[in-house]
Amino acid sequence: MKAKTFDSKFDNGEDVTDHLDVAKARRPLQKQRRVNVDFPDWMIESLDREASRLGVTRQSIIKVWLAERLEQTAAKRT
């Protein structure tokens, strides 16, 4: 599909997601870095239970909870 056609469909409110290749999509200014963190067994089990309840991965719940905490901490400083 040509860009002009894609833009036109998008501008008309049509669903264009089938025409996107998101396999290598990245969020701007969100460079990823890998870190290793050791957790006690009880904590991993609790994370897994909560992740399962929410239908997400362990990694996702850790990221969300850390982001929430960092935002709260930053808000308290200002």
PDB file of N, CA and C in Angstrom:
ATOM      1  N   MET A   1       0.848  -1.174   0.000  1.00  0.00           N
ATOM      2  CA  MET A   1       0.000   0.000   0.000  1.00  0.00           C
ATOM      3  C   MET A   1       0.894   1.238   0.000  1.00  0.00           C
ATOM      4  N   LYS A   2       0.541   2.172  -0.832  1.00  0.00           N
ATOM      5  CA  LYS A   2       1.298   3.418  -0.907  1.00  0.00           C
ATOM      6  C   LYS A   2       0.966   4.304   0.294  1.00  0.00           C
ATOM      7  N   ALA A   3       1.917   5.151   0.655  1.00  0.00           N
ATOM      8  CA  ALA A   3       1.754   6.017   1.817  1.00  0.00           C
ATOM      9  C   ALA A   3       0.530   6.914   1.684  1.00  0.00           C
ATOM     10  N   LYS A   4       0.278   7.397   0.490  1.00  0.00           N
ATOM     11  CA  LYS A   4      -0.859   8.292   0.272  1.00  0.00           C
ATOM     12  C   LYS A   4      -2.175   7.565   0.569  1.00  0.00           C
ATOM     13  N   THR A   5      -2.275   6.313   0.144  1.00  0.00           N
ATOM     14  CA  THR A   5      -3.473   5.507   0.397  1.00  0.00           C
ATOM     15  C   THR A   5      -3.612   5.225   1.887  1.00  0.00           C
ATOM     16  N   PHE A   6      -2.488   4.873   2.503  1.00  0.00           N
ATOM     17  CA  PHE A   6      -2.481   4.612   3.943  1.00  0.00           C
ATOM     18  C   PHE A   6      -2.953   5.843   4.711  1.00  0.00           C
ATOM     19  N   ASP A   7      -2.372   6.993   4.394  1.00  0.00           N
ATOM     20  CA  ASP A   7      -2.746   8.249   5.059  1.00  0.00           C
ATOM     21  C   ASP A   7      -4.226   8.554   4.878  1.00  0.00           C
ATOM     22  N   SER A   8      -4.713   8.328   3.678  1.00  0.00           N
ATOM     23  CA  SER A   8      -6.118   8.601   3.391  1.00  0.00           C
ATOM     24  C   SER A   8      -7.029   7.713   4.236  1.00  0.00           C
ATOM     25  N   LYS A   9      -6.706   6.426   4.293  1.00  0.00           N
ATOM     26  CA  LYS A   9      -7.506   5.502   5.110  1.00  0.00           C
ATOM     27  C   LYS A   9      -7.460   5.925   6.587  1.00  0.00           C
ATOM     28  N   PHE A  10      -6.279   6.257   7.063  1.00  0.00           N
ATOM     29  CA  PHE A  10      -6.127   6.679   8.453  1.00  0.00           C
ATOM     30  C   PHE A  10      -6.944   7.948   8.724  1.00  0.00           C
ATOM     31  N   ASP A  11      -6.820   8.924   7.840  1.00  0.00           N
ATOM     32  CA  ASP A  11      -7.535  10.185   8.003  1.00  0.00           C
ATOM     33  C   ASP A  11      -9.054  10.001   7.978  1.00  0.00           C
ATOM     34  N   ASN A  12      -9.505   8.966   7.267  1.00  0.00           N
ATOM     35  CA  ASN A  12     -10.940   8.679   7.201  1.00  0.00           C
ATOM     36  C   ASN A  12     -11.427   7.832   8.371  1.00  0.00           C
ATOM     37  N   GLY A  13     -10.531   7.533   9.281  1.00  0.00           N
ATOM     38  CA  GLY A  13     -10.917   6.776  10.466  1.00  0.00           C
ATOM     39  C   GLY A  13     -10.967   5.271  10.261  1.00  0.00           C
ATOM     40  N   GLU A  14     -10.438   4.798   9.137  1.00  0.00           N
ATOM     41  CA  GLU A  14     -10.421   3.355   8.882  1.00  0.00           C
ATOM     42  C   GLU A  14      -9.338   2.679   9.724  1.00  0.00           C
ATOM     43  N   ASP A  15      -9.553   1.410  10.034  1.00  0.00           N
ATOM     44  CA  ASP A  15      -8.572   0.628  10.793  1.00  0.00           C
ATOM     45  C   ASP A  15      -7.424   0.252   9.867  1.00  0.00           C
ATOM     46  N   VAL A  16      -6.234   0.744  10.168  1.00  0.00           N
ATOM     47  CA  VAL A  16      -5.058   0.472   9.340  1.00  0.00           C
ATOM     48  C   VAL A  16      -4.060  -0.444  10.034  1.00  0.00           C
ATOM     49  N   THR A  17      -4.431  -0.989  11.177  1.00  0.00           N
ATOM     50  CA  THR A  17      -3.483  -1.801  11.955  1.00  0.00           C
ATOM     51  C   THR A  17      -3.026  -3.049  11.214  1.00  0.00           C
ATOM     52  N   ASP A  18      -3.849  -3.602  10.340  1.00  0.00           N
ATOM     53  CA  ASP A  18      -3.432  -4.781   9.573  1.00  0.00           C
ATOM     54  C   ASP A  18      -2.298  -4.455   8.600  1.00  0.00           C
ATOM     55  N   HIS A  19      -2.089  -3.197   8.315  1.00  0.00           N
ATOM     56  CA  HIS A  19      -1.060  -2.783   7.367  1.00  0.00           C
ATOM     57  C   HIS A  19       0.233  -2.352   8.075  1.00  0.00           C
ATOM     58  N   LEU A  20       0.296  -2.509   9.374  1.00  0.00           N
ATOM     59  CA  LEU A  20       1.476  -2.102  10.136  1.00  0.00           C
ATOM     60  C   LEU A  20       2.281  -3.322  10.557  1.00  0.00           C
ATOM     61  N   ASP A  21       3.598  -3.221  10.493  1.00  0.00           N
ATOM     62  CA  ASP A  21       4.485  -4.259  10.994  1.00  0.00           C
ATOM     63  C   ASP A  21       5.044  -3.756  12.320  1.00  0.00           C
ATOM     64  N   VAL A  22       4.473  -4.249  13.412  1.00  0.00           N
ATOM     65  CA  VAL A  22       4.867  -3.751  14.726  1.00  0.00           C
ATOM     66  C   VAL A  22       5.916  -4.641  15.387  1.00  0.00           C
ATOM     67  N   ALA A  23       6.453  -5.609  14.662  1.00  0.00           N
ATOM     68  CA  ALA A  23       7.427  -6.546  15.228  1.00  0.00           C
ATOM     69  C   ALA A  23       8.657  -5.826  15.773  1.00  0.00           C
ATOM     70  N   LYS A  24       9.069  -4.767  15.111  1.00  0.00           N
ATOM     71  CA  LYS A  24      10.259  -4.047  15.554  1.00  0.00           C
ATOM     72  C   LYS A  24       9.934  -2.642  16.041  1.00  0.00           C
ATOM     73  N   ALA A  25       8.684  -2.416  16.386  1.00  0.00           N
ATOM     74  CA  ALA A  25       8.260  -1.087  16.840  1.00  0.00           C
ATOM     75  C   ALA A  25       8.917  -0.756  18.174  1.00  0.00           C
ATOM     76  N   ARG A  26       9.315   0.459  18.336  1.00  0.00           N
ATOM     77  CA  ARG A  26       9.929   0.938  19.579  1.00  0.00           C
ATOM     78  C   ARG A  26       9.283   2.256  19.966  1.00  0.00           C
ATOM     79  N   ARG A  27       9.233   2.498  21.258  1.00  0.00           N
ATOM     80  CA  ARG A  27       8.705   3.773  21.730  1.00  0.00           C
ATOM     81  C   ARG A  27       9.828   4.795  21.707  1.00  0.00           C
ATOM     82  N   PRO A  28       9.582   5.971  21.151  1.00  0.00           N
ATOM     83  CA  PRO A  28      10.633   6.993  21.107  1.00  0.00           C
ATOM     84  C   PRO A  28      11.094   7.358  22.512  1.00  0.00           C
ATOM     85  N   LEU A  29      12.363   7.555  22.640  1.00  0.00           N
ATOM     86  CA  LEU A  29      12.997   7.950  23.903  1.00  0.00           C
ATOM     87  C   LEU A  29      12.774   6.918  25.020  1.00  0.00           C
ATOM     88  N   GLN A  30      12.529   5.682  24.669  1.00  0.00           N
ATOM     89  CA  GLN A  30      12.309   4.614  25.649  1.00  0.00           C
ATOM     90  C   GLN A  30      13.303   3.482  25.407  1.00  0.00           C
ATOM     91  N   LYS A  31      14.584   3.811  25.317  1.00  0.00           N
ATOM     92  CA  LYS A  31      15.608   2.803  25.083  1.00  0.00           C
ATOM     93  C   LYS A  31      15.556   1.758  26.194  1.00  0.00           C
ATOM     94  N   GLN A  32      15.643   0.513  25.808  1.00  0.00           N
ATOM     95  CA  GLN A  32      15.573  -0.593  26.763  1.00  0.00           C
ATOM     96  C   GLN A  32      16.980  -0.985  27.198  1.00  0.00           C
ATOM     97  N   ARG A  33      17.122  -1.288  28.493  1.00  0.00           N
ATOM     98  CA  ARG A  33      18.367  -1.832  29.036  1.00  0.00           C
ATOM     99  C   ARG A  33      18.003  -3.010  29.911  1.00  0.00           C
ATOM    100  N   ARG A  34      18.759  -4.068  29.801  1.00  0.00           N
ATOM    101  CA  ARG A  34      18.495  -5.272  30.573  1.00  0.00           C
ATOM    102  C   ARG A  34      19.188  -5.184  31.930  1.00  0.00           C
ATOM    103  N   VAL A  35      18.457  -5.536  32.970  1.00  0.00           N
ATOM    104  CA  VAL A  35      19.021  -5.623  34.312  1.00  0.00           C
ATOM    105  C   VAL A  35      18.620  -6.966  34.921  1.00  0.00           C
ATOM    106  N   ASN A  36      19.441  -7.463  35.793  1.00  0.00           N
ATOM    107  CA  ASN A  36      19.139  -8.703  36.505  1.00  0.00           C
ATOM    108  C   ASN A  36      18.884  -8.367  37.961  1.00  0.00           C
ATOM    109  N   VAL A  37      17.793  -8.871  38.486  1.00  0.00           N
ATOM    110  CA  VAL A  37      17.428  -8.631  39.874  1.00  0.00           C
ATOM    111  C   VAL A  37      17.086  -9.976  40.505  1.00  0.00           C
ATOM    112  N   ASP A  38      17.648 -10.230  41.659  1.00  0.00           N
ATOM    113  CA  ASP A  38      17.338 -11.463  42.382  1.00  0.00           C
ATOM    114  C   ASP A  38      16.244 -11.182  43.400  1.00  0.00           C
ATOM    115  N   PHE A  39      15.189 -12.006  43.379  1.00  0.00           N
ATOM    116  CA  PHE A  39      14.076 -11.887  44.313  1.00  0.00           C
ATOM    117  C   PHE A  39      13.978 -13.169  45.132  1.00  0.00           C
ATOM    118  N   PRO A  40      13.521 -13.069  46.366  1.00  0.00           N
ATOM    119  CA  PRO A  40      13.267 -14.288  47.133  1.00  0.00           C
ATOM    120  C   PRO A  40      12.074 -15.046  46.537  1.00  0.00           C
ATOM    121  N   ASP A  41      12.043 -16.350  46.769  1.00  0.00           N
ATOM    122  CA  ASP A  41      10.980 -17.197  46.210  1.00  0.00           C
ATOM    123  C   ASP A  41       9.586 -16.680  46.530  1.00  0.00           C
ATOM    124  N   TRP A  42       9.354 -16.247  47.770  1.00  0.00           N
ATOM    125  CA  TRP A  42       8.010 -15.809  48.152  1.00  0.00           C
ATOM    126  C   TRP A  42       7.558 -14.623  47.309  1.00  0.00           C
ATOM    127  N   MET A  43       8.513 -13.758  46.975  1.00  0.00           N
ATOM    128  CA  MET A  43       8.173 -12.574  46.196  1.00  0.00           C
ATOM    129  C   MET A  43       7.830 -12.963  44.758  1.00  0.00           C
ATOM    130  N   ILE A  44       8.582 -13.870  44.180  1.00  0.00           N
ATOM    131  CA  ILE A  44       8.299 -14.333  42.818  1.00  0.00           C
ATOM    132  C   ILE A  44       6.942 -15.024  42.766  1.00  0.00           C
ATOM    133  N   GLU A  45       6.647 -15.836  43.775  1.00  0.00           N
ATOM    134  CA  GLU A  45       5.351 -16.511  43.815  1.00  0.00           C
ATOM    135  C   GLU A  45       4.207 -15.504  43.913  1.00  0.00           C
ATOM    136  N   SER A  46       4.389 -14.480  44.726  1.00  0.00           N
ATOM    137  CA  SER A  46       3.362 -13.438  44.847  1.00  0.00           C
ATOM    138  C   SER A  46       3.203 -12.662  43.548  1.00  0.00           C
ATOM    139  N   LEU A  47       4.318 -12.335  42.906  1.00  0.00           N
ATOM    140  CA  LEU A  47       4.268 -11.637  41.620  1.00  0.00           C
ATOM    141  C   LEU A  47       3.552 -12.482  40.575  1.00  0.00           C
ATOM    142  N   ASP A  48       3.869 -13.772  40.553  1.00  0.00           N
ATOM    143  CA  ASP A  48       3.246 -14.655  39.567  1.00  0.00           C
ATOM    144  C   ASP A  48       1.739 -14.787  39.796  1.00  0.00           C
ATOM    145  N   ARG A  49       1.324 -14.858  41.050  1.00  0.00           N
ATOM    146  CA  ARG A  49      -0.116 -14.936  41.347  1.00  0.00           C
ATOM    147  C   ARG A  49      -0.829 -13.678  40.873  1.00  0.00           C
ATOM    148  N   GLU A  50      -0.263 -12.528  41.183  1.00  0.00           N
ATOM    149  CA  GLU A  50      -0.898 -11.263  40.792  1.00  0.00           C
ATOM    150  C   GLU A  50      -0.877 -11.089  39.278  1.00  0.00           C
ATOM    151  N   ALA A  51       0.231 -11.448  38.644  1.00  0.00           N
ATOM    152  CA  ALA A  51       0.314 -11.353  37.188  1.00  0.00           C
ATOM    153  C   ALA A  51      -0.721 -12.261  36.535  1.00  0.00           C
ATOM    154  N   SER A  52      -0.874 -13.464  37.060  1.00  0.00           N
ATOM    155  CA  SER A  52      -1.865 -14.403  36.522  1.00  0.00           C
ATOM    156  C   SER A  52      -3.277 -13.859  36.697  1.00  0.00           C
ATOM    157  N   ARG A  53      -3.543 -13.281  37.856  1.00  0.00           N
ATOM    158  CA  ARG A  53      -4.865 -12.712  38.121  1.00  0.00           C
ATOM    159  C   ARG A  53      -5.191 -11.601  37.139  1.00  0.00           C
ATOM    160  N   LEU A  54      -4.180 -10.801  36.795  1.00  0.00           N
ATOM    161  CA  LEU A  54      -4.389  -9.678  35.880  1.00  0.00           C
ATOM    162  C   LEU A  54      -4.240 -10.082  34.407  1.00  0.00           C
ATOM    163  N   GLY A  55      -3.729 -11.278  34.158  1.00  0.00           N
ATOM    164  CA  GLY A  55      -3.556 -11.740  32.784  1.00  0.00           C
ATOM    165  C   GLY A  55      -2.386 -11.101  32.072  1.00  0.00           C
ATOM    166  N   VAL A  56      -1.330 -10.810  32.827  1.00  0.00           N
ATOM    167  CA  VAL A  56      -0.129 -10.215  32.246  1.00  0.00           C
ATOM    168  C   VAL A  56       1.083 -11.050  32.659  1.00  0.00           C
ATOM    169  N   THR A  57       2.233 -10.717  32.129  1.00  0.00           N
ATOM    170  CA  THR A  57       3.454 -11.427  32.483  1.00  0.00           C
ATOM    171  C   THR A  57       4.051 -10.857  33.768  1.00  0.00           C
ATOM    172  N   ARG A  58       4.917 -11.646  34.375  1.00  0.00           N
ATOM    173  CA  ARG A  58       5.628 -11.183  35.572  1.00  0.00           C
ATOM    174  C   ARG A  58       6.408  -9.910  35.256  1.00  0.00           C
ATOM    175  N   GLN A  59       7.091  -9.910  34.127  1.00  0.00           N
ATOM    176  CA  GLN A  59       7.884  -8.745  33.747  1.00  0.00           C
ATOM    177  C   GLN A  59       7.012  -7.500  33.613  1.00  0.00           C
ATOM    178  N   SER A  60       5.839  -7.657  33.033  1.00  0.00           N
ATOM    179  CA  SER A  60       4.943  -6.515  32.852  1.00  0.00           C
ATOM    180  C   SER A  60       4.514  -5.926  34.185  1.00  0.00           C
ATOM    181  N   ILE A  61       4.154  -6.795  35.125  1.00  0.00           N
ATOM    182  CA  ILE A  61       3.684  -6.277  36.409  1.00  0.00           C
ATOM    183  C   ILE A  61       4.813  -5.596  37.170  1.00  0.00           C
ATOM    184  N   ILE A  62       6.024  -6.140  37.068  1.00  0.00           N
ATOM    185  CA  ILE A  62       7.170  -5.498  37.724  1.00  0.00           C
ATOM    186  C   ILE A  62       7.399  -4.114  37.124  1.00  0.00           C
ATOM    187  N   LYS A  63       7.364  -4.011  35.803  1.00  0.00           N
ATOM    188  CA  LYS A  63       7.580  -2.716  35.149  1.00  0.00           C
ATOM    189  C   LYS A  63       6.518  -1.700  35.550  1.00  0.00           C
ATOM    190  N   VAL A  64       5.271  -2.123  35.540  1.00  0.00           N
ATOM    191  CA  VAL A  64       4.175  -1.207  35.874  1.00  0.00           C
ATOM    192  C   VAL A  64       4.304  -0.731  37.317  1.00  0.00           C
ATOM    193  N   TRP A  65       4.531  -1.671  38.232  1.00  0.00           N
ATOM    194  CA  TRP A  65       4.626  -1.287  39.640  1.00  0.00           C
ATOM    195  C   TRP A  65       5.831  -0.390  39.910  1.00  0.00           C
ATOM    196  N   LEU A  66       6.960  -0.670  39.282  1.00  0.00           N
ATOM    197  CA  LEU A  66       8.118   0.199  39.456  1.00  0.00           C
ATOM    198  C   LEU A  66       7.860   1.586  38.886  1.00  0.00           C
ATOM    199  N   ALA A  67       7.242   1.641  37.710  1.00  0.00           N
ATOM    200  CA  ALA A  67       6.931   2.938  37.097  1.00  0.00           C
ATOM    201  C   ALA A  67       5.990   3.744  37.983  1.00  0.00           C
ATOM    202  N   GLU A  68       4.955   3.084  38.537  1.00  0.00           N
ATOM    203  CA  GLU A  68       4.016   3.780  39.427  1.00  0.00           C
ATOM    204  C   GLU A  68       4.742   4.338  40.644  1.00  0.00           C
ATOM    205  N   ARG A  69       5.602   3.547  41.227  1.00  0.00           N
ATOM    206  CA  ARG A  69       6.328   3.987  42.425  1.00  0.00           C
ATOM    207  C   ARG A  69       7.270   5.144  42.106  1.00  0.00           C
ATOM    208  N   LEU A  70       7.967   5.061  40.973  1.00  0.00           N
ATOM    209  CA  LEU A  70       8.868   6.141  40.591  1.00  0.00           C
ATOM    210  C   LEU A  70       8.106   7.435  40.321  1.00  0.00           C
ATOM    211  N   GLU A  71       6.930   7.319  39.697  1.00  0.00           N
ATOM    212  CA  GLU A  71       6.099   8.515  39.465  1.00  0.00           C
ATOM    213  C   GLU A  71       5.609   9.107  40.775  1.00  0.00           C
ATOM    214  N   GLN A  72       5.220   8.285  41.721  1.00  0.00           N
ATOM    215  CA  GLN A  72       4.775   8.776  43.040  1.00  0.00           C
ATOM    216  C   GLN A  72       5.928   9.487  43.747  1.00  0.00           C
ATOM    217  N   THR A  73       7.106   8.893  43.694  1.00  0.00           N
ATOM    218  CA  THR A  73       8.267   9.491  44.343  1.00  0.00           C
ATOM    219  C   THR A  73       8.620  10.827  43.709  1.00  0.00           C
ATOM    220  N   ALA A  74       8.575  10.900  42.390  1.00  0.00           N
ATOM    221  CA  ALA A  74       8.875  12.148  41.698  1.00  0.00           C
ATOM    222  C   ALA A  74       7.836  13.212  42.023  1.00  0.00           C
ATOM    223  N   ALA A  75       6.568  12.816  42.119  1.00  0.00           N
ATOM    224  CA  ALA A  75       5.499  13.772  42.424  1.00  0.00           C
ATOM    225  C   ALA A  75       5.655  14.349  43.837  1.00  0.00           C
ATOM    226  N   LYS A  76       6.126  13.548  44.765  1.00  0.00           N
ATOM    227  CA  LYS A  76       6.320  14.016  46.140  1.00  0.00           C
ATOM    228  C   LYS A  76       7.443  15.045  46.238  1.00  0.00           C
ATOM    229  N   ARG A  77       8.413  14.912  45.331  1.00  0.00           N
ATOM    230  CA  ARG A  77       9.555  15.832  45.353  1.00  0.00           C
ATOM    231  C   ARG A  77       9.188  17.219  44.842  1.00  0.00           C
ATOM    232  N   THR A  78       8.177  17.283  43.975  1.00  0.00           N
ATOM    233  CA  THR A  78       7.851  18.594  43.374  1.00  0.00           C
ATOM    234  C   THR A  78       6.725  19.282  44.096  1.00  0.00           C
TER     235      THR A  78
END
